Amino acid sequence: MITEIAFVATPVTNIHRSRAFYEGVLGLKPTHLACEEKWVEYGIGSGTFAITCVSPDQWTPSPQGTSIAFEVDDLDDVLSLLKAHGAEISMDAFDTPVCRMAIVCDPDGNKIAIHKRKS
C-alpha cells in the first residue's frame, strides 16, 4: 500500500532561472543538490519538491502536466509578490468550498497552485 508521497519533481529547462524563481521569488530553501546541481530538492513540511533538468531530452516541462499546490499563509500576499515579479498568472484567485487558490506558471510554463485552506 502507498503510505505517503516521497517527492514531487518538475522538469525545467534552465536550472539557474528556475532556482531564481523558486528560491528568490517563492522563498524555498534547497535541502539537497544532486547530479551536478541539475537536481534540486526543497523540503516542505513532511514532503519534498524537486526541480530538475537531468534528462532534458526525455522529460520536458509542460503546462498540461502534473501540478503541485503550495500551501501559503496569505494567498493575496504571495499572489501580489508573484505578479510584481512578472509571473504568468494562469488563473487568478478563486474560491472553492474548502480553499482559495490561484494558478501560476513557473519560468518554463509548469503550472503551480498557490493554495490556502479555509478554516
PDB file of N, CA and C in Angstrom:
ATOM      1  N   MET A   1       0.821  -1.190   0.000  1.00  0.00           N
ATOM      2  CA  MET A   1       0.000   0.000   0.000  1.00  0.00           C
ATOM      3  C   MET A   1       0.865   1.254   0.000  1.00  0.00           C
ATOM      4  N   ILE A   2       0.358   2.289  -0.594  1.00  0.00           N
ATOM      5  CA  ILE A   2       1.036   3.584  -0.585  1.00  0.00           C
ATOM      6  C   ILE A   2       0.807   4.224   0.774  1.00  0.00           C
ATOM      7  N   THR A   3       1.902   4.714   1.383  1.00  0.00           N
ATOM      8  CA  THR A   3       1.797   5.301   2.718  1.00  0.00           C
ATOM      9  C   THR A   3       2.049   6.804   2.749  1.00  0.00           C
ATOM     10  N   GLU A   4       2.720   7.339   1.721  1.00  0.00           N
ATOM     11  CA  GLU A   4       2.971   8.780   1.658  1.00  0.00           C
ATOM     12  C   GLU A   4       3.522   9.143   0.297  1.00  0.00           C
ATOM     13  N   ILE A   5       3.568  10.430  -0.003  1.00  0.00           N
ATOM     14  CA  ILE A   5       4.219  10.909  -1.217  1.00  0.00           C
ATOM     15  C   ILE A   5       5.677  11.152  -0.862  1.00  0.00           C
ATOM     16  N   ALA A   6       6.580  10.467  -1.550  1.00  0.00           N
ATOM     17  CA  ALA A   6       8.008  10.613  -1.271  1.00  0.00           C
ATOM     18  C   ALA A   6       8.521  11.967  -1.762  1.00  0.00           C
ATOM     19  N   PHE A   7       8.207  12.288  -3.022  1.00  0.00           N
ATOM     20  CA  PHE A   7       8.585  13.587  -3.565  1.00  0.00           C
ATOM     21  C   PHE A   7       7.776  13.858  -4.819  1.00  0.00           C
ATOM     22  N   VAL A   8       7.737  15.117  -5.203  1.00  0.00           N
ATOM     23  CA  VAL A   8       7.172  15.563  -6.470  1.00  0.00           C
ATOM     24  C   VAL A   8       8.294  16.283  -7.187  1.00  0.00           C
ATOM     25  N   ALA A   9       8.528  15.949  -8.449  1.00  0.00           N
ATOM     26  CA  ALA A   9       9.585  16.599  -9.220  1.00  0.00           C
ATOM     27  C   ALA A   9       8.993  17.232 -10.473  1.00  0.00           C
ATOM     28  N   THR A  10       9.557  18.366 -10.846  1.00  0.00           N
ATOM     29  CA  THR A  10       9.116  19.108 -12.018  1.00  0.00           C
ATOM     30  C   THR A  10      10.300  19.346 -12.938  1.00  0.00           C
ATOM     31  N   PRO A  11      10.168  19.013 -14.221  1.00  0.00           N
ATOM     32  CA  PRO A  11      11.256  19.268 -15.152  1.00  0.00           C
ATOM     33  C   PRO A  11      11.336  20.750 -15.518  1.00  0.00           C
ATOM     34  N   VAL A  12      12.551  21.243 -15.659  1.00  0.00           N
ATOM     35  CA  VAL A  12      12.796  22.630 -16.060  1.00  0.00           C
ATOM     36  C   VAL A  12      13.874  22.634 -17.140  1.00  0.00           C
ATOM     37  N   THR A  13      13.973  23.723 -17.878  1.00  0.00           N
ATOM     38  CA  THR A  13      14.982  23.797 -18.937  1.00  0.00           C
ATOM     39  C   THR A  13      16.249  24.530 -18.506  1.00  0.00           C
ATOM     40  N   ASN A  14      16.118  25.438 -17.543  1.00  0.00           N
ATOM     41  CA  ASN A  14      17.266  26.225 -17.086  1.00  0.00           C
ATOM     42  C   ASN A  14      17.248  26.228 -15.565  1.00  0.00           C
ATOM     43  N   ILE A  15      18.117  25.440 -14.963  1.00  0.00           N
ATOM     44  CA  ILE A  15      18.108  25.260 -13.510  1.00  0.00           C
ATOM     45  C   ILE A  15      18.375  26.571 -12.775  1.00  0.00           C
ATOM     46  N   HIS A  16      19.233  27.432 -13.320  1.00  0.00           N
ATOM     47  CA  HIS A  16      19.552  28.697 -12.646  1.00  0.00           C
ATOM     48  C   HIS A  16      18.342  29.637 -12.648  1.00  0.00           C
ATOM     49  N   ARG A  17      17.680  29.740 -13.784  1.00  0.00           N
ATOM     50  CA  ARG A  17      16.485  30.587 -13.875  1.00  0.00           C
ATOM     51  C   ARG A  17      15.387  30.042 -12.963  1.00  0.00           C
ATOM     52  N   SER A  18      15.222  28.732 -12.944  1.00  0.00           N
ATOM     53  CA  SER A  18      14.190  28.126 -12.104  1.00  0.00           C
ATOM     54  C   SER A  18      14.503  28.287 -10.629  1.00  0.00           C
ATOM     55  N   ARG A  19      15.768  28.150 -10.258  1.00  0.00           N
ATOM     56  CA  ARG A  19      16.137  28.365  -8.857  1.00  0.00           C
ATOM     57  C   ARG A  19      15.869  29.808  -8.449  1.00  0.00           C
ATOM     58  N   ALA A  20      16.129  30.748  -9.356  1.00  0.00           N
ATOM     59  CA  ALA A  20      15.848  32.156  -9.049  1.00  0.00           C
ATOM     60  C   ALA A  20      14.360  32.347  -8.764  1.00  0.00           C
ATOM     61  N   PHE A  21      13.514  31.641  -9.499  1.00  0.00           N
ATOM     62  CA  PHE A  21      12.071  31.737  -9.279  1.00  0.00           C
ATOM     63  C   PHE A  21      11.667  31.046  -7.982  1.00  0.00           C
ATOM     64  N   TYR A  22      12.008  29.773  -7.834  1.00  0.00           N
ATOM     65  CA  TYR A  22      11.546  29.011  -6.669  1.00  0.00           C
ATOM     66  C   TYR A  22      12.205  29.479  -5.369  1.00  0.00           C
ATOM     67  N   GLU A  23      13.456  29.877  -5.423  1.00  0.00           N
ATOM     68  CA  GLU A  23      14.139  30.341  -4.214  1.00  0.00           C
ATOM     69  C   GLU A  23      14.001  31.845  -4.036  1.00  0.00           C
ATOM     70  N   GLY A  24      14.271  32.613  -5.101  1.00  0.00           N
ATOM     71  CA  GLY A  24      14.269  34.065  -4.998  1.00  0.00           C
ATOM     72  C   GLY A  24      12.896  34.676  -4.865  1.00  0.00           C
ATOM     73  N   VAL A  25      11.908  34.113  -5.573  1.00  0.00           N
ATOM     74  CA  VAL A  25      10.560  34.673  -5.526  1.00  0.00           C
ATOM     75  C   VAL A  25       9.699  33.953  -4.483  1.00  0.00           C
ATOM     76  N   LEU A  26       9.642  32.628  -4.554  1.00  0.00           N
ATOM     77  CA  LEU A  26       8.790  31.876  -3.629  1.00  0.00           C
ATOM     78  C   LEU A  26       9.441  31.609  -2.273  1.00  0.00           C
ATOM     79  N   GLY A  27      10.745  31.825  -2.158  1.00  0.00           N
ATOM     80  CA  GLY A  27      11.412  31.697  -0.867  1.00  0.00           C
ATOM     81  C   GLY A  27      11.735  30.283  -0.423  1.00  0.00           C
ATOM     82  N   LEU A  28      11.702  29.310  -1.345  1.00  0.00           N
ATOM     83  CA  LEU A  28      12.062  27.942  -0.963  1.00  0.00           C
ATOM     84  C   LEU A  28      13.559  27.852  -0.692  1.00  0.00           C
ATOM     85  N   LYS A  29      13.930  26.985   0.235  1.00  0.00           N
ATOM     86  CA  LYS A  29      15.337  26.779   0.595  1.00  0.00           C
ATOM     87  C   LYS A  29      15.762  25.381   0.142  1.00  0.00           C
ATOM     88  N   PRO A  30      16.847  25.285  -0.646  1.00  0.00           N
ATOM     89  CA  PRO A  30      17.283  23.957  -1.092  1.00  0.00           C
ATOM     90  C   PRO A  30      17.763  23.110   0.084  1.00  0.00           C
ATOM     91  N   THR A  31      17.377  21.831   0.068  1.00  0.00           N
ATOM     92  CA  THR A  31      17.790  20.907   1.119  1.00  0.00           C
ATOM     93  C   THR A  31      18.700  19.803   0.593  1.00  0.00           C
ATOM     94  N   HIS A  32      18.765  19.651  -0.734  1.00  0.00           N
ATOM     95  CA  HIS A  32      19.628  18.620  -1.322  1.00  0.00           C
ATOM     96  C   HIS A  32      19.899  18.971  -2.782  1.00  0.00           C
ATOM     97  N   LEU A  33      21.165  18.860  -3.181  1.00  0.00           N
ATOM     98  CA  LEU A  33      21.570  19.070  -4.569  1.00  0.00           C
ATOM     99  C   LEU A  33      22.208  17.777  -5.060  1.00  0.00           C
ATOM    100  N   ALA A  34      21.884  17.377  -6.297  1.00  0.00           N
ATOM    101  CA  ALA A  34      22.453  16.149  -6.860  1.00  0.00           C
ATOM    102  C   ALA A  34      22.665  16.323  -8.357  1.00  0.00           C
ATOM    103  N   CYS A  35      23.323  15.342  -8.957  1.00  0.00           N
ATOM    104  CA  CYS A  35      23.529  15.309 -10.411  1.00  0.00           C
ATOM    105  C   CYS A  35      24.136  16.613 -10.923  1.00  0.00           C
ATOM    106  N   GLU A  36      25.248  16.990 -10.317  1.00  0.00           N
ATOM    107  CA  GLU A  36      25.944  18.230 -10.681  1.00  0.00           C
ATOM    108  C   GLU A  36      25.009  19.440 -10.596  1.00  0.00           C
ATOM    109  N   GLU A  37      24.184  19.459  -9.554  1.00  0.00           N
ATOM    110  CA  GLU A  37      23.225  20.523  -9.264  1.00  0.00           C
ATOM    111  C   GLU A  37      22.155  20.666 -10.339  1.00  0.00           C
ATOM    112  N   LYS A  38      21.897  19.593 -11.094  1.00  0.00           N
ATOM    113  CA  LYS A  38      20.789  19.593 -12.051  1.00  0.00           C
ATOM    114  C   LYS A  38      19.530  19.009 -11.420  1.00  0.00           C
ATOM    115  N   TRP A  39      19.633  18.604 -10.156  1.00  0.00           N
ATOM    116  CA  TRP A  39      18.501  18.118  -9.367  1.00  0.00           C
ATOM    117  C   TRP A  39      18.557  18.882  -8.052  1.00  0.00           C
ATOM    118  N   VAL A  40      17.527  19.671  -7.765  1.00  0.00           N
ATOM    119  CA  VAL A  40      17.491  20.491  -6.556  1.00  0.00           C
ATOM    120  C   VAL A  40      16.228  20.134  -5.784  1.00  0.00           C
ATOM    121  N   GLU A  41      16.406  19.754  -4.517  1.00  0.00           N
ATOM    122  CA  GLU A  41      15.265  19.400  -3.672  1.00  0.00           C
ATOM    123  C   GLU A  41      15.005  20.480  -2.630  1.00  0.00           C
ATOM    124  N   TYR A  42      13.716  20.633  -2.319  1.00  0.00           N
ATOM    125  CA  TYR A  42      13.265  21.568  -1.297  1.00  0.00           C
ATOM    126  C   TYR A  42      12.371  20.794  -0.333  1.00  0.00           C
ATOM    127  N   GLY A  43      12.773  20.708   0.926  1.00  0.00           N
ATOM    128  CA  GLY A  43      11.930  20.087   1.933  1.00  0.00           C
ATOM    129  C   GLY A  43      10.827  21.058   2.312  1.00  0.00           C
ATOM    130  N   ILE A  44       9.583  20.607   2.200  1.00  0.00           N
ATOM    131  CA  ILE A  44       8.431  21.450   2.525  1.00  0.00           C
ATOM    132  C   ILE A  44       7.516  20.616   3.415  1.00  0.00           C
ATOM    133  N   GLY A  45       7.404  20.996   4.669  1.00  0.00           N
ATOM    134  CA  GLY A  45       6.615  20.187   5.597  1.00  0.00           C
ATOM    135  C   GLY A  45       7.212  18.793   5.650  1.00  0.00           C
ATOM    136  N   SER A  46       6.376  17.781   5.501  1.00  0.00           N
ATOM    137  CA  SER A  46       6.881  16.407   5.528  1.00  0.00           C
ATOM    138  C   SER A  46       7.199  15.882   4.127  1.00  0.00           C
ATOM    139  N   GLY A  47       7.039  16.722   3.100  1.00  0.00           N
ATOM    140  CA  GLY A  47       7.283  16.291   1.727  1.00  0.00           C
ATOM    141  C   GLY A  47       8.499  16.955   1.105  1.00  0.00           C
ATOM    142  N   THR A  48       8.771  16.577  -0.123  1.00  0.00           N
ATOM    143  CA  THR A  48       9.893  17.136  -0.869  1.00  0.00           C
ATOM    144  C   THR A  48       9.421  17.505  -2.272  1.00  0.00           C
ATOM    145  N   PHE A  49       9.807  18.690  -2.709  1.00  0.00           N
ATOM    146  CA  PHE A  49       9.564  19.156  -4.067  1.00  0.00           C
ATOM    147  C   PHE A  49      10.924  19.302  -4.727  1.00  0.00           C
ATOM    148  N   ALA A  50      11.063  18.840  -5.964  1.00  0.00           N
ATOM    149  CA  ALA A  50      12.340  18.936  -6.674  1.00  0.00           C
ATOM    150  C   ALA A  50      12.136  19.559  -8.039  1.00  0.00           C
ATOM    151  N   ILE A  51      13.157  20.279  -8.499  1.00  0.00           N
ATOM    152  CA  ILE A  51      13.221  20.742  -9.883  1.00  0.00           C
ATOM    153  C   ILE A  51      14.429  20.071 -10.508  1.00  0.00           C
ATOM    154  N   THR A  52      14.342  19.776 -11.802  1.00  0.00           N
ATOM    155  CA  THR A  52      15.437  19.058 -12.437  1.00  0.00           C
ATOM    156  C   THR A  52      15.512  19.315 -13.939  1.00  0.00           C
ATOM    157  N   CYS A  53      16.723  19.286 -14.429  1.00  0.00           N
ATOM    158  CA  CYS A  53      16.958  19.281 -15.872  1.00  0.00           C
ATOM    159  C   CYS A  53      17.942  18.154 -16.193  1.00  0.00           C
ATOM    160  N   VAL A  54      17.828  17.038 -15.463  1.00  0.00           N
ATOM    161  CA  VAL A  54      18.715  15.890 -15.619  1.00  0.00           C
ATOM    162  C   VAL A  54      18.534  15.215 -16.974  1.00  0.00           C
ATOM    163  N   SER A  55      17.309  15.067 -17.444  1.00  0.00           N
ATOM    164  CA  SER A  55      17.033  14.382 -18.713  1.00  0.00           C
ATOM    165  C   SER A  55      16.219  15.282 -19.644  1.00  0.00           C
ATOM    166  N   PRO A  56      16.808  16.375 -20.131  1.00  0.00           N
ATOM    167  CA  PRO A  56      16.029  17.340 -20.902  1.00  0.00           C
ATOM    168  C   PRO A  56      15.460  16.784 -22.207  1.00  0.00           C
ATOM    169  N   ASP A  57      16.043  15.739 -22.746  1.00  0.00           N
ATOM    170  CA  ASP A  57      15.524  15.161 -23.980  1.00  0.00           C
ATOM    171  C   ASP A  57      14.424  14.131 -23.724  1.00  0.00           C
ATOM    172  N   GLN A  58      14.267  13.712 -22.466  1.00  0.00           N
ATOM    173  CA  GLN A  58      13.272  12.700 -22.133  1.00  0.00           C
ATOM    174  C   GLN A  58      12.147  13.219 -21.238  1.00  0.00           C
ATOM    175  N   TRP A  59      12.393  14.293 -20.525  1.00  0.00           N
ATOM    176  CA  TRP A  59      11.408  14.806 -19.574  1.00  0.00           C
ATOM    177  C   TRP A  59      11.372  16.314 -19.711  1.00  0.00           C
ATOM    178  N   THR A  60      10.317  16.841 -20.318  1.00  0.00           N
ATOM    179  CA  THR A  60      10.252  18.263 -20.627  1.00  0.00           C
ATOM    180  C   THR A  60       9.113  18.939 -19.867  1.00  0.00           C
ATOM    181  N   PRO A  61       9.266  20.225 -19.596  1.00  0.00           N
ATOM    182  CA  PRO A  61       8.212  20.983 -18.925  1.00  0.00           C
ATOM    183  C   PRO A  61       6.945  21.004 -19.768  1.00  0.00           C
ATOM    184  N   SER A  62       5.807  21.173 -19.092  1.00  0.00           N
ATOM    185  CA  SER A  62       4.535  21.242 -19.799  1.00  0.00           C
ATOM    186  C   SER A  62       3.493  21.924 -18.931  1.00  0.00           C
ATOM    187  N   PRO A  63       2.722  22.839 -19.515  1.00  0.00           N
ATOM    188  CA  PRO A  63       1.622  23.432 -18.756  1.00  0.00           C
ATOM    189  C   PRO A  63       0.464  22.445 -18.582  1.00  0.00           C
ATOM    190  N   GLN A  64       0.533  21.303 -19.235  1.00  0.00           N
ATOM    191  CA  GLN A  64      -0.533  20.306 -19.160  1.00  0.00           C
ATOM    192  C   GLN A  64      -0.179  19.126 -18.258  1.00  0.00           C
ATOM    193  N   GLY A  65       0.997  19.147 -17.667  1.00  0.00           N
ATOM    194  CA  GLY A  65       1.433  18.018 -16.841  1.00  0.00           C
ATOM    195  C   GLY A  65       0.915  18.094 -15.420  1.00  0.00           C
ATOM    196  N   THR A  66       1.418  17.204 -14.598  1.00  0.00           N
ATOM    197  CA  THR A  66       1.073  17.168 -13.187  1.00  0.00           C
ATOM    198  C   THR A  66       1.468  18.492 -12.543  1.00  0.00           C
ATOM    199  N   SER A  67       0.678  18.917 -11.584  1.00  0.00           N
ATOM    200  CA  SER A  67       0.934  20.188 -10.913  1.00  0.00           C
ATOM    201  C   SER A  67       1.132  19.950  -9.423  1.00  0.00           C
ATOM    202  N   ILE A  68       1.692  20.935  -8.763  1.00  0.00           N
ATOM    203  CA  ILE A  68       1.843  20.902  -7.314  1.00  0.00           C
ATOM    204  C   ILE A  68       1.086  22.089  -6.739  1.00  0.00           C
ATOM    205  N   ALA A  69       0.553  21.940  -5.549  1.00  0.00           N
ATOM    206  CA  ALA A  69      -0.101  23.037  -4.843  1.00  0.00           C
ATOM    207  C   ALA A  69       0.736  23.365  -3.614  1.00  0.00           C
ATOM    208  N   PHE A  70       1.177  24.612  -3.528  1.00  0.00           N
ATOM    209  CA  PHE A  70       1.925  25.086  -2.365  1.00  0.00           C
ATOM    210  C   PHE A  70       0.955  25.775  -1.414  1.00  0.00           C
ATOM    211  N   GLU A  71       0.873  25.281  -0.179  1.00  0.00           N
ATOM    212  CA  GLU A  71       0.047  25.914   0.846  1.00  0.00           C
ATOM    213  C   GLU A  71       0.772  27.160   1.336  1.00  0.00           C
ATOM    214  N   VAL A  72       0.054  28.282   1.456  1.00  0.00           N
ATOM    215  CA  VAL A  72       0.645  29.550   1.881  1.00  0.00           C
ATOM    216  C   VAL A  72      -0.130  30.125   3.065  1.00  0.00           C
ATOM    217  N   ASP A  73       0.507  31.046   3.792  1.00  0.00           N
ATOM    218  CA  ASP A  73      -0.161  31.719   4.898  1.00  0.00           C
ATOM    219  C   ASP A  73      -1.159  32.757   4.387  1.00  0.00           C
ATOM    220  N   ASP A  74      -0.765  33.505   3.345  1.00  0.00           N
ATOM    221  CA  ASP A  74      -1.599  34.585   2.831  1.00  0.00           C
ATOM    222  C   ASP A  74      -1.571  34.551   1.307  1.00  0.00           C
ATOM    223  N   LEU A  75      -2.625  34.056   0.711  1.00  0.00           N
ATOM    224  CA  LEU A  75      -2.685  33.909  -0.738  1.00  0.00           C
ATOM    225  C   LEU A  75      -2.530  35.241  -1.454  1.00  0.00           C
ATOM    226  N   ASP A  76      -3.203  36.280  -0.972  1.00  0.00           N
ATOM    227  CA  ASP A  76      -3.130  37.579  -1.641  1.00  0.00           C
ATOM    228  C   ASP A  76      -1.722  38.145  -1.634  1.00  0.00           C
ATOM    229  N   ASP A  77      -0.999  38.007  -0.515  1.00  0.00           N
ATOM    230  CA  ASP A  77       0.379  38.499  -0.444  1.00  0.00           C
ATOM    231  C   ASP A  77       1.274  37.765  -1.437  1.00  0.00           C
ATOM    232  N   VAL A  78       1.172  36.443  -1.481  1.00  0.00           N
ATOM    233  CA  VAL A  78       2.017  35.659  -2.385  1.00  0.00           C
ATOM    234  C   VAL A  78       1.657  35.953  -3.835  1.00  0.00           C
ATOM    235  N   LEU A  79       0.392  36.080  -4.132  1.00  0.00           N
ATOM    236  CA  LEU A  79      -0.035  36.382  -5.492  1.00  0.00           C
ATOM    237  C   LEU A  79       0.457  37.763  -5.916  1.00  0.00           C
ATOM    238  N   SER A  80       0.405  38.735  -5.022  1.00  0.00           N
ATOM    239  CA  SER A  80       0.932  40.081  -5.318  1.00  0.00           C
ATOM    240  C   SER A  80       2.424  40.026  -5.590  1.00  0.00           C
ATOM    241  N   LEU A  81       3.152  39.256  -4.789  1.00  0.00           N
ATOM    242  CA  LEU A  81       4.596  39.100  -4.981  1.00  0.00           C
ATOM    243  C   LEU A  81       4.889  38.484  -6.342  1.00  0.00           C
ATOM    244  N   LEU A  82       4.167  37.440  -6.692  1.00  0.00           N
ATOM    245  CA  LEU A  82       4.368  36.789  -7.986  1.00  0.00           C
ATOM    246  C   LEU A  82       4.072  37.747  -9.139  1.00  0.00           C
ATOM    247  N   LYS A  83       3.003  38.498  -9.031  1.00  0.00           N
ATOM    248  CA  LYS A  83       2.662  39.471 -10.069  1.00  0.00           C
ATOM    249  C   LYS A  83       3.742  40.541 -10.189  1.00  0.00           C
ATOM    250  N   ALA A  84       4.261  40.997  -9.051  1.00  0.00           N
ATOM    251  CA  ALA A  84       5.322  42.012  -9.065  1.00  0.00           C
ATOM    252  C   ALA A  84       6.585  41.504  -9.750  1.00  0.00           C
ATOM    253  N   HIS A  85       6.808  40.191  -9.687  1.00  0.00           N
ATOM    254  CA  HIS A  85       7.975  39.595 -10.341  1.00  0.00           C
ATOM    255  C   HIS A  85       7.674  39.152 -11.771  1.00  0.00           C
ATOM    256  N   GLY A  86       6.497  39.493 -12.266  1.00  0.00           N
ATOM    257  CA  GLY A  86       6.156  39.202 -13.653  1.00  0.00           C
ATOM    258  C   GLY A  86       5.757  37.765 -13.937  1.00  0.00           C
ATOM    259  N   ALA A  87       5.407  37.012 -12.893  1.00  0.00           N
ATOM    260  CA  ALA A  87       4.995  35.619 -13.109  1.00  0.00           C
ATOM    261  C   ALA A  87       3.691  35.593 -13.902  1.00  0.00           C
ATOM    262  N   GLU A  88       3.582  34.618 -14.775  1.00  0.00           N
ATOM    263  CA  GLU A  88       2.353  34.447 -15.545  1.00  0.00           C
ATOM    264  C   GLU A  88       1.266  33.867 -14.640  1.00  0.00           C
ATOM    265  N   ILE A  89       0.141  34.543 -14.583  1.00  0.00           N
ATOM    266  CA  ILE A  89      -0.990  34.081 -13.786  1.00  0.00           C
ATOM    267  C   ILE A  89      -1.936  33.358 -14.743  1.00  0.00           C
ATOM    268  N   SER A  90      -2.032  32.064 -14.597  1.00  0.00           N
ATOM    269  CA  SER A  90      -2.891  31.259 -15.468  1.00  0.00           C
ATOM    270  C   SER A  90      -4.353  31.379 -15.054  1.00  0.00           C
ATOM    271  N   MET A  91      -4.599  31.465 -13.740  1.00  0.00           N
ATOM    272  CA  MET A  91      -5.950  31.612 -13.217  1.00  0.00           C
ATOM    273  C   MET A  91      -5.856  32.431 -11.932  1.00  0.00           C
ATOM    274  N   ASP A  92      -6.485  33.598 -11.923  1.00  0.00           N
ATOM    275  CA  ASP A  92      -6.426  34.455 -10.738  1.00  0.00           C
ATOM    276  C   ASP A  92      -7.160  33.789  -9.576  1.00  0.00           C
ATOM    277  N   ALA A  93      -7.021  34.353  -8.409  1.00  0.00           N
ATOM    278  CA  ALA A  93      -7.577  33.759  -7.192  1.00  0.00           C
ATOM    279  C   ALA A  93      -9.062  33.437  -7.339  1.00  0.00           C
ATOM    280  N   PHE A  94      -9.423  32.256  -6.857  1.00  0.00           N
ATOM    281  CA  PHE A  94     -10.819  31.836  -6.862  1.00  0.00           C
ATOM    282  C   PHE A  94     -11.082  30.991  -5.628  1.00  0.00           C
ATOM    283  N   ASP A  95     -12.352  30.918  -5.256  1.00  0.00           N
ATOM    284  CA  ASP A  95     -12.764  30.182  -4.064  1.00  0.00           C
ATOM    285  C   ASP A  95     -13.403  28.853  -4.438  1.00  0.00           C
ATOM    286  N   THR A  96     -13.162  27.863  -3.590  1.00  0.00           N
ATOM    287  CA  THR A  96     -13.871  26.592  -3.640  1.00  0.00           C
ATOM    288  C   THR A  96     -14.493  26.427  -2.249  1.00  0.00           C
ATOM    289  N   PRO A  97     -15.291  25.419  -2.026  1.00  0.00           N
ATOM    290  CA  PRO A  97     -15.856  25.243  -0.684  1.00  0.00           C
ATOM    291  C   PRO A  97     -14.806  25.024   0.411  1.00  0.00           C
ATOM    292  N   VAL A  98     -13.630  24.508   0.050  1.00  0.00           N
ATOM    293  CA  VAL A  98     -12.625  24.183   1.075  1.00  0.00           C
ATOM    294  C   VAL A  98     -11.355  25.026   1.018  1.00  0.00           C
ATOM    295  N   CYS A  99     -11.181  25.830  -0.045  1.00  0.00           N
ATOM    296  CA  CYS A  99      -9.935  26.588  -0.165  1.00  0.00           C
ATOM    297  C   CYS A  99     -10.113  27.801  -1.058  1.00  0.00           C
ATOM    298  N   ARG A 100      -9.064  28.585  -1.116  1.00  0.00           N
ATOM    299  CA  ARG A 100      -8.924  29.688  -2.064  1.00  0.00           C
ATOM    300  C   ARG A 100      -7.587  29.469  -2.725  1.00  0.00           C
ATOM    301  N   MET A 101      -7.527  29.588  -4.051  1.00  0.00           N
ATOM    302  CA  MET A 101      -6.261  29.352  -4.722  1.00  0.00           C
ATOM    303  C   MET A 101      -6.173  30.119  -6.035  1.00  0.00           C
ATOM    304  N   ALA A 102      -4.973  30.138  -6.571  1.00  0.00           N
ATOM    305  CA  ALA A 102      -4.683  30.723  -7.881  1.00  0.00           C
ATOM    306  C   ALA A 102      -3.706  29.782  -8.578  1.00  0.00           C
ATOM    307  N   ILE A 103      -3.679  29.841  -9.895  1.00  0.00           N
ATOM    308  CA  ILE A 103      -2.751  29.020 -10.670  1.00  0.00           C
ATOM    309  C   ILE A 103      -1.771  29.946 -11.369  1.00  0.00           C
ATOM    310  N   VAL A 104      -0.482  29.712 -11.140  1.00  0.00           N
ATOM    311  CA  VAL A 104       0.572  30.498 -11.764  1.00  0.00           C
ATOM    312  C   VAL A 104       1.491  29.556 -12.539  1.00  0.00           C
ATOM    313  N   CYS A 105       2.337  30.142 -13.372  1.00  0.00           N
ATOM    314  CA  CYS A 105       3.285  29.341 -14.140  1.00  0.00           C
ATOM    315  C   CYS A 105       4.702  29.676 -13.719  1.00  0.00           C
ATOM    316  N   ASP A 106       5.553  28.646 -13.651  1.00  0.00           N
ATOM    317  CA  ASP A 106       6.969  28.892 -13.399  1.00  0.00           C
ATOM    318  C   ASP A 106       7.596  29.362 -14.716  1.00  0.00           C
ATOM    319  N   PRO A 107       8.896  29.673 -14.733  1.00  0.00           N
ATOM    320  CA  PRO A 107       9.508  30.185 -15.963  1.00  0.00           C
ATOM    321  C   PRO A 107       9.401  29.257 -17.176  1.00  0.00           C
ATOM    322  N   ASP A 108       9.167  27.956 -16.965  1.00  0.00           N
ATOM    323  CA  ASP A 108       9.023  27.018 -18.077  1.00  0.00           C
ATOM    324  C   ASP A 108       7.569  26.729 -18.430  1.00  0.00           C
ATOM    325  N   GLY A 109       6.633  27.381 -17.764  1.00  0.00           N
ATOM    326  CA  GLY A 109       5.231  27.169 -18.057  1.00  0.00           C
ATOM    327  C   GLY A 109       4.573  26.070 -17.243  1.00  0.00           C
ATOM    328  N   ASN A 110       5.329  25.405 -16.345  1.00  0.00           N
ATOM    329  CA  ASN A 110       4.720  24.414 -15.454  1.00  0.00           C
ATOM    330  C   ASN A 110       3.726  25.123 -14.550  1.00  0.00           C
ATOM    331  N   LYS A 111       2.536  24.576 -14.404  1.00  0.00           N
ATOM    332  CA  LYS A 111       1.516  25.203 -13.566  1.00  0.00           C
ATOM    333  C   LYS A 111       1.707  24.840 -12.100  1.00  0.00           C
ATOM    334  N   ILE A 112       1.519  25.847 -11.245  1.00  0.00           N
ATOM    335  CA  ILE A 112       1.662  25.709  -9.802  1.00  0.00           C
ATOM    336  C   ILE A 112       0.414  26.317  -9.168  1.00  0.00           C
ATOM    337  N   ALA A 113      -0.196  25.600  -8.248  1.00  0.00           N
ATOM    338  CA  ALA A 113      -1.309  26.158  -7.494  1.00  0.00           C
ATOM    339  C   ALA A 113      -0.755  26.812  -6.235  1.00  0.00           C
ATOM    340  N   ILE A 114      -1.161  28.043  -6.002  1.00  0.00           N
ATOM    341  CA  ILE A 114      -0.863  28.723  -4.747  1.00  0.00           C
ATOM    342  C   ILE A 114      -2.168  28.616  -3.963  1.00  0.00           C
ATOM    343  N   HIS A 115      -2.106  27.979  -2.794  1.00  0.00           N
ATOM    344  CA  HIS A 115      -3.301  27.436  -2.150  1.00  0.00           C
ATOM    345  C   HIS A 115      -3.397  27.859  -0.690  1.00  0.00           C
ATOM    346  N   LYS A 116      -4.628  28.174  -0.259  1.00  0.00           N
ATOM    347  CA  LYS A 116      -4.874  28.475   1.152  1.00  0.00           C
ATOM    348  C   LYS A 116      -6.153  27.770   1.588  1.00  0.00           C
ATOM    349  N   ARG A 117      -6.007  26.835   2.511  1.00  0.00           N
ATOM    350  CA  ARG A 117      -7.180  26.134   3.045  1.00  0.00           C
ATOM    351  C   ARG A 117      -8.046  27.098   3.850  1.00  0.00           C
ATOM    352  N   LYS A 118      -9.360  26.905   3.777  1.00  0.00           N
ATOM    353  CA  LYS A 118     -10.271  27.669   4.617  1.00  0.00           C
ATOM    354  C   LYS A 118     -10.340  27.026   5.985  1.00  0.00           C
ATOM    355  N   SER A 119     -10.621  27.846   7.021  1.00  0.00           N
ATOM    356  CA  SER A 119     -10.701  27.264   8.357  1.00  0.00           C
ATOM    357  C   SER A 119     -11.932  26.426   8.516  1.00  0.00           C
TER     358      SER A 119
END
